[in-house]
Amino acid sequence: MLDLNEVAMFVEVVRAGSFSATARQLNLPHNTVSRRIARLETYLGVRLMQRSTRKLTLTGEGRRFFERVESSLSNVFEAERELVNRADTPAGTLRVAAPADFMSVFQAGWLVEFLERYPQVRLDFVLDDLKTDLITSGIDVALRADPEKTPNFLYQRAMSRNSILVASPQYLERRGRPESVRELKGHECLTGSSRHNAVTWQLQGPKGVEEVAVSGPFRANNASSLMRACIAGLGIALLPEILISREVADGRLLVLLPQLRRKGEDYEFVFPSRRQIPVAASVFADFAGQKLRSLTNADATLEDKLSKHGDRPATSVPGAGKKRSSNG
């Protein structure tokens, strides 16, 4: 096989005009340069240059070979420099797989910030709750909930998905605020889709895990739909803290029983290879993970986070603490 290093050395010898000058430029022994040119000639089966004590002269074959390879070799090295530079600089189209409601959480302003920081990157999102095959779909990085570990993939923690109880001020004014897990049974509760009439919520708090069977007028298999129904006043929902942080901060949703939460799966960024991870994928995972964790102020305790997000005492809502009337 043709050795491009020997071809490159031949081009340098022709440009320099001698073996000695080439050896000095490349910091190599004179005989090493001479030996490699001789090896190239042996491989090609032709003499490329005539040597004399005073100068080197290209043969006809040598001149034709030089004219053909000089520009091609420059293109090869230019392509190499471009790839090396790109390997160090985030660039190119980054294909990201994430859950369907990802954009309900990931703020548009963050996309602007990321693209301004890395102007050579283009983002291509594949938003689907189905687990897209990362290899066949050409995904560079995916956000997955509690992903099944594959030895050849690389995983980076993104955030925890804990859920808390919330309701709208309108609902609480109409129905009152539950003061215990047991009282949730008497409220309209918005749940994920299920074939059963009742859904059991498991909540962790100071007393350990508490369970309650709940039901209500609306179900959906999408957390964003449940959040919108909850804001509209249809009932109480158990929603991911990260999804509702802005709604809680704005007062559109109020936190109930703040000492309780449902622990969810960890979300992780998944790279479909342990080697040669695109630098754009790496910086996006770092950037997005930091932004997502900032929504819940992950370094604070749950109680601190809820108080910062505007949880109000029961007396702040008209009708709070009232028991459900017998006629509902």
Protein backbone atom coordinates (compact mmCIF):
# COMPACT_ATOMS: atom_id res chain seq x y z
CA MET A 1 0.00 0.00 0.00
CA LEU A 2 1.22 3.46 -0.88
CA ASP A 3 2.66 5.20 2.17
CA LEU A 4 1.41 8.81 2.25
CA ASN A 5 4.27 9.76 4.60
CA GLU A 6 6.75 8.77 1.91
CA VAL A 7 4.77 10.66 -0.73
CA ALA A 8 4.74 13.73 1.53
CA MET A 9 8.50 13.41 2.02
CA PHE A 10 8.99 13.20 -1.76
CA VAL A 11 7.03 16.44 -2.21
CA GLU A 12 9.12 18.16 0.48
CA VAL A 13 12.37 17.00 -1.20
CA VAL A 14 11.24 18.42 -4.54
CA ARG A 15 10.24 21.73 -2.92
CA ALA A 16 13.48 21.98 -0.89
CA GLY A 17 15.68 20.89 -3.79
CA SER A 18 17.83 18.48 -1.77
CA PHE A 19 17.82 15.66 0.74
CA SER A 20 19.92 17.69 3.16
CA ALA A 21 17.57 20.67 3.23
CA THR A 22 14.59 18.35 3.69
CA ALA A 23 16.35 16.50 6.51
CA ARG A 24 17.02 19.79 8.30
CA GLN A 25 13.39 20.94 7.88
CA LEU A 26 12.00 17.65 9.18
CA ASN A 27 14.72 17.18 11.80
CA LEU A 28 15.61 13.76 10.41
CA PRO A 29 18.92 12.12 9.51
CA HIS A 30 19.94 12.58 5.88
CA ASN A 31 20.03 8.84 5.20
CA THR A 32 16.47 8.41 6.54
CA VAL A 33 15.14 10.81 3.91
CA SER A 34 17.16 9.12 1.17
CA ARG A 35 16.04 5.65 2.26
CA ARG A 36 12.33 6.55 2.27
CA ILE A 37 12.48 8.09 -1.20
CA ALA A 38 14.24 4.96 -2.45
CA ARG A 39 11.53 2.80 -0.84
CA LEU A 40 8.83 4.87 -2.60
CA GLU A 41 10.57 4.41 -5.94
CA THR A 42 10.80 0.68 -5.35
CA TYR A 43 7.08 0.49 -4.58
CA LEU A 44 6.16 2.53 -7.70
CA GLY A 45 8.68 0.68 -9.88
CA VAL A 46 10.09 3.86 -11.40
CA ARG A 47 12.92 6.30 -10.70
CA LEU A 48 11.46 9.61 -9.57
CA MET A 49 14.63 11.70 -9.47
CA GLN A 50 18.26 11.69 -10.55
CA ARG A 51 20.76 12.29 -7.76
CA SER A 52 24.06 14.07 -8.18
CA THR A 53 26.48 15.67 -5.78
CA ARG A 54 25.22 19.10 -6.75
CA LYS A 55 21.46 18.80 -7.23
CA LEU A 56 18.41 16.64 -7.68
CA THR A 57 16.61 16.44 -11.02
CA LEU A 58 13.17 15.00 -11.48
CA THR A 59 12.69 12.34 -14.12
CA GLY A 60 9.71 12.58 -16.44
CA GLU A 61 7.81 10.11 -14.27
CA GLY A 62 8.87 12.03 -11.18
CA ARG A 63 7.62 15.33 -12.59
CA ARG A 64 4.23 13.85 -13.55
CA PHE A 65 3.93 12.14 -10.16
CA PHE A 66 4.79 15.38 -8.33
CA GLU A 67 2.23 17.40 -10.30
CA ARG A 68 -0.51 14.89 -9.55
CA VAL A 69 0.18 14.34 -5.84
CA GLU A 70 1.16 17.83 -4.68
CA SER A 71 -2.36 19.34 -4.81
CA SER A 72 -4.00 16.07 -3.72
CA LEU A 73 -1.71 15.82 -0.73
CA SER A 74 -2.48 19.42 0.22
CA ASN A 75 -6.20 18.55 0.15
CA VAL A 76 -5.58 15.52 2.37
CA PHE A 77 -3.71 17.56 4.97
CA GLU A 78 -6.29 20.35 4.81
CA ALA A 79 -9.03 17.80 5.47
CA GLU A 80 -7.00 16.45 8.37
CA ARG A 81 -6.58 19.93 9.89
CA GLU A 82 -10.30 20.61 9.46
CA LEU A 83 -11.25 17.40 11.26
CA VAL A 84 -8.75 17.98 14.05
CA ASN A 85 -10.01 21.52 14.55
CA ARG A 86 -13.62 20.36 14.48
CA ALA A 87 -12.83 17.64 17.00
CA ASP A 88 -11.86 20.40 19.43
CA THR A 89 -14.63 22.85 18.50
CA PRO A 90 -18.37 22.13 18.81
CA ALA A 91 -19.65 22.12 15.23
CA GLY A 92 -21.98 20.35 12.83
CA THR A 93 -25.52 19.03 13.16
CA LEU A 94 -26.25 17.54 16.58
CA ARG A 95 -29.10 15.02 16.60
CA VAL A 96 -30.78 14.83 20.02
CA ALA A 97 -33.46 12.36 21.12
CA ALA A 98 -35.67 13.32 24.08
CA PRO A 99 -39.17 12.66 25.53
CA ALA A 100 -42.16 14.15 23.71
CA ASP A 101 -42.73 16.83 26.36
CA PHE A 102 -39.06 17.87 26.53
CA MET A 103 -39.75 21.30 25.07
CA SER A 104 -42.36 21.91 27.76
CA VAL A 105 -39.46 21.89 30.22
CA PHE A 106 -36.46 23.02 28.20
CA GLN A 107 -36.91 26.74 27.72
CA ALA A 108 -36.60 28.29 24.27
CA GLY A 109 -34.26 30.92 25.69
CA TRP A 110 -31.83 28.19 26.62
CA LEU A 111 -31.69 27.08 22.98
CA VAL A 112 -30.85 30.64 21.99
CA GLU A 113 -28.13 30.80 24.64
CA PHE A 114 -26.61 27.48 23.57
CA LEU A 115 -26.57 28.35 19.86
CA GLU A 116 -25.09 31.78 20.55
CA ARG A 117 -22.37 30.14 22.60
CA TYR A 118 -21.70 27.51 19.92
CA PRO A 119 -22.62 29.17 16.59
CA GLN A 120 -21.23 26.33 14.46
CA VAL A 121 -23.71 23.81 15.94
CA ARG A 122 -27.11 22.99 14.43
CA LEU A 123 -29.67 21.18 16.60
CA ASP A 124 -31.96 18.45 15.27
CA PHE A 125 -34.41 17.16 17.91
CA VAL A 126 -36.24 13.83 17.75
CA LEU A 127 -39.03 14.14 20.37
CA ASP A 128 -40.81 10.87 21.07
CA ASP A 129 -41.73 8.82 24.13
CA LEU A 130 -40.83 5.68 22.17
CA LYS A 131 -37.23 4.64 22.67
CA THR A 132 -35.72 5.39 19.29
CA ASP A 133 -32.83 3.15 18.25
CA LEU A 134 -29.88 5.47 18.66
CA ILE A 135 -27.63 3.80 16.13
CA THR A 136 -30.01 3.36 13.19
CA SER A 137 -31.54 6.81 13.78
CA GLY A 138 -28.16 8.54 13.84
CA ILE A 139 -28.68 9.98 17.34
CA ASP A 140 -25.66 11.69 18.89
CA VAL A 141 -27.09 11.98 22.42
CA ALA A 142 -30.41 10.98 24.01
CA LEU A 143 -32.18 11.88 27.25
CA ARG A 144 -33.59 8.71 28.80
CA ALA A 145 -35.40 7.89 32.04
CA ASP A 146 -33.67 5.09 33.94
CA PRO A 147 -32.11 3.67 30.76
CA GLU A 148 -31.16 0.03 30.51
CA LYS A 149 -27.38 -0.03 30.52
CA THR A 150 -25.59 -1.16 27.36
CA PRO A 151 -21.85 -1.88 27.68
CA ASN A 152 -20.86 0.03 24.54
CA PHE A 153 -22.85 3.15 25.47
CA LEU A 154 -21.77 6.00 27.73
CA TYR A 155 -24.12 7.43 30.38
CA GLN A 156 -24.13 10.82 32.12
CA ARG A 157 -26.62 11.72 34.87
CA ALA A 158 -28.93 14.57 33.95
CA MET A 159 -31.42 14.95 36.83
CA SER A 160 -33.83 13.18 39.17
CA ARG A 161 -37.51 13.17 38.31
CA ASN A 162 -39.36 13.63 41.60
CA SER A 163 -43.09 14.43 41.58
CA ILE A 164 -45.08 16.62 43.98
CA LEU A 165 -48.76 17.27 44.61
CA VAL A 166 -50.22 20.45 43.13
CA ALA A 167 -53.57 22.08 42.43
CA SER A 168 -54.78 25.40 41.08
CA PRO A 169 -55.99 28.19 43.41
CA GLN A 170 -59.41 27.90 41.75
CA TYR A 171 -59.72 24.22 42.61
CA LEU A 172 -58.66 24.76 46.22
CA GLU A 173 -61.10 27.62 46.59
CA ARG A 174 -63.87 25.36 45.41
CA ARG A 175 -62.92 22.12 47.18
CA GLY A 176 -60.56 23.01 50.00
CA ARG A 177 -57.02 21.87 50.67
CA PRO A 178 -56.27 18.28 51.76
CA GLU A 179 -54.36 18.14 55.03
CA SER A 180 -53.27 14.49 54.85
CA VAL A 181 -52.69 11.71 52.36
CA ARG A 182 -55.94 10.09 53.48
CA GLU A 183 -57.94 13.17 52.50
CA LEU A 184 -56.76 12.87 48.88
CA LYS A 185 -59.26 10.05 48.49
CA GLY A 186 -62.08 12.58 48.79
CA HIS A 187 -60.70 14.86 46.08
CA GLU A 188 -60.76 14.90 42.29
CA CYS A 189 -57.33 13.60 41.29
CA LEU A 190 -55.84 13.73 37.80
CA THR A 191 -53.91 10.58 36.96
CA GLY A 192 -52.12 8.79 34.20
CA SER A 193 -54.11 6.56 31.90
CA SER A 194 -55.16 3.26 33.46
CA ARG A 195 -57.70 0.53 32.79
CA HIS A 196 -58.60 0.49 36.47
CA ASN A 197 -61.03 2.88 38.14
CA ALA A 198 -58.58 3.73 40.91
CA VAL A 199 -54.90 4.56 40.74
CA THR A 200 -52.63 4.20 43.76
CA TRP A 201 -50.25 7.03 44.54
CA GLN A 202 -47.19 6.14 46.61
CA LEU A 203 -45.76 9.14 48.43
CA GLN A 204 -42.62 9.29 50.51
CA GLY A 205 -42.38 11.55 53.51
CA PRO A 206 -41.40 11.74 57.19
CA LYS A 207 -43.58 8.71 57.97
CA GLY A 208 -42.08 6.63 55.19
CA VAL A 209 -44.11 5.55 52.19
CA GLU A 210 -47.83 6.32 52.32
CA GLU A 211 -50.31 4.99 49.77
CA VAL A 212 -53.71 6.23 48.70
CA ALA A 213 -56.11 5.11 45.97
CA VAL A 214 -57.29 8.11 43.95
CA SER A 215 -59.58 8.78 41.03
CA GLY A 216 -60.94 11.76 39.16
CA PRO A 217 -62.61 13.13 36.03
CA PHE A 218 -59.58 13.28 33.76
CA ARG A 219 -56.74 10.96 32.81
CA ALA A 220 -53.93 11.28 30.30
CA ASN A 221 -50.75 9.46 29.39
CA ASN A 222 -48.84 12.72 29.04
CA ALA A 223 -47.63 14.85 31.97
CA SER A 224 -48.00 18.11 30.05
CA SER A 225 -51.69 17.37 29.45
CA LEU A 226 -52.21 16.62 33.14
CA MET A 227 -50.49 19.88 34.04
CA ARG A 228 -52.77 21.91 31.78
CA ALA A 229 -55.85 20.19 33.21
CA CYS A 230 -54.59 20.90 36.72
CA ILE A 231 -54.03 24.59 35.93
CA ALA A 232 -57.58 24.71 34.56
CA GLY A 233 -58.89 23.59 37.97
CA LEU A 234 -59.98 20.03 37.17
CA GLY A 235 -58.30 18.56 40.23
CA ILE A 236 -55.13 17.63 42.10
CA ALA A 237 -52.20 16.18 40.18
CA LEU A 238 -48.96 14.45 41.06
CA LEU A 239 -46.53 15.99 38.59
CA PRO A 240 -42.77 16.08 37.99
CA GLU A 241 -41.28 18.94 39.94
CA ILE A 242 -39.14 19.96 37.00
CA LEU A 243 -42.17 20.26 34.72
CA ILE A 244 -44.18 22.58 36.97
CA SER A 245 -41.48 24.76 38.52
CA ARG A 246 -42.46 27.85 36.55
CA GLU A 247 -46.18 27.33 37.17
CA VAL A 248 -45.52 27.05 40.91
CA ALA A 249 -43.29 30.12 40.87
CA ASP A 250 -45.99 32.07 39.00
CA GLY A 251 -48.71 30.97 41.44
CA ARG A 252 -50.75 29.15 38.80
CA LEU A 253 -50.23 25.97 40.79
CA LEU A 254 -49.92 25.60 44.57
CA VAL A 255 -47.99 22.82 46.28
CA LEU A 256 -49.95 20.51 48.58
CA LEU A 257 -48.50 18.43 51.42
CA PRO A 258 -44.98 19.69 50.64
CA GLN A 259 -43.37 17.14 52.93
CA LEU A 260 -44.42 14.40 50.50
CA ARG A 261 -43.14 13.44 47.08
CA ARG A 262 -42.96 10.52 44.75
CA LYS A 263 -39.46 9.53 43.82
CA GLY A 264 -38.99 8.96 40.11
CA GLU A 265 -36.32 7.55 37.87
CA ASP A 266 -33.06 9.30 37.23
CA TYR A 267 -32.76 10.84 33.80
CA GLU A 268 -29.48 10.27 32.01
CA PHE A 269 -27.87 11.42 28.81
CA VAL A 270 -26.97 8.43 26.67
CA PHE A 271 -24.18 8.51 24.10
CA PRO A 272 -24.27 5.61 21.60
CA SER A 273 -20.52 5.09 21.86
CA ARG A 274 -17.84 5.25 24.51
CA ARG A 275 -15.29 6.52 21.99
CA GLN A 276 -15.10 9.53 19.70
CA ILE A 277 -18.07 11.32 21.25
CA PRO A 278 -18.77 14.49 19.21
CA VAL A 279 -17.66 17.48 21.22
CA ALA A 280 -21.01 19.14 20.39
CA ALA A 281 -22.84 16.26 22.08
CA SER A 282 -20.65 16.51 25.16
CA VAL A 283 -21.09 20.26 25.62
CA PHE A 284 -24.85 20.01 25.00
CA ALA A 285 -25.24 17.34 27.70
CA ASP A 286 -23.28 19.49 30.17
CA PHE A 287 -25.26 22.61 29.27
CA ALA A 288 -28.71 20.97 29.25
CA GLY A 289 -28.07 19.04 32.46
CA GLN A 290 -27.09 22.21 34.30
CA LYS A 291 -30.18 24.04 33.03
CA LEU A 292 -32.58 21.22 33.87
CA ARG A 293 -31.19 20.83 37.39
CA SER A 294 -31.51 24.58 37.91
CA LEU A 295 -35.30 24.28 37.61
CA THR A 296 -35.48 22.42 40.89
CA ASN A 297 -32.44 24.01 42.56
CA ALA A 298 -31.06 20.52 43.08
CA ASP A 299 -28.69 21.51 45.86
CA ALA A 300 -31.50 22.62 48.16
CA THR A 301 -33.77 20.47 50.28
CA LEU A 302 -37.28 19.81 49.02
CA GLU A 303 -38.80 22.08 51.64
CA ASP A 304 -36.46 24.91 50.66
CA LYS A 305 -37.27 24.45 47.01
CA LEU A 306 -41.01 24.54 47.61
CA SER A 307 -40.85 27.63 49.79
CA LYS A 308 -38.81 29.39 47.12
CA HIS A 309 -41.43 28.45 44.56
CA GLY A 310 -44.20 30.15 46.50
CA ASP A 311 -46.02 27.42 48.41
CA ARG A 312 -48.68 29.09 50.54
CA PRO A 313 -50.19 28.11 53.86
CA ALA A 314 -53.71 26.71 53.91
CA THR A 315 -55.21 29.99 55.17
CA SER A 316 -54.10 31.81 52.02
CA VAL A 317 -56.70 30.01 49.91
CA PRO A 318 -60.39 30.71 50.51
CA GLY A 319 -62.09 27.55 51.66
CA ALA A 320 -58.82 25.91 52.61
CA GLY A 321 -59.18 23.19 55.19
CA LYS A 322 -62.90 22.67 54.51
CA LYS A 323 -64.08 19.12 54.35
CA ARG A 324 -65.74 17.95 51.21
CA SER A 325 -69.51 18.43 51.47
CA SER A 326 -71.73 15.37 51.41
CA ASN A 327 -73.29 16.35 48.09
CA GLY A 328 -69.76 16.88 46.52
